[in-house]
């Protein structure tokens, strides 16, 4: 039986899907996806929205997500420089799934915390 070459296997260490999953679900990657769920944002807006992220880590995360085809970086020739980030079609799909997970978590947080304290 032939394996579909367009389908990944995230459990296989050599599959490129594993690295993409790491970028999407990293500490900052997930929060960037959730933040961009509501639409295009500038770098400074993302930095303010994601409490605790350093400029360096946000830059690295955005570069990884851009390289993975999850977002588009648009730079304007202005002073000071302005850069916008927008989700691609793949990025929007991933963001929707991440947003659902975050919504589930926030909705059930009280019950989850109560079960931790038992």
Foldseek 3Di string as FASTA:
>chain_A
DDDDPVDFDLVDPPTPVVVVVCLCPPPVNLLVLQVCLVHKDKLVVSPVSDPPDDSVRSVVSLVSCVVVQQWDWDWDPDVVIIIMIHGDPVNNVSSVVSNVVVVVCVVCVVVVVVVVVD
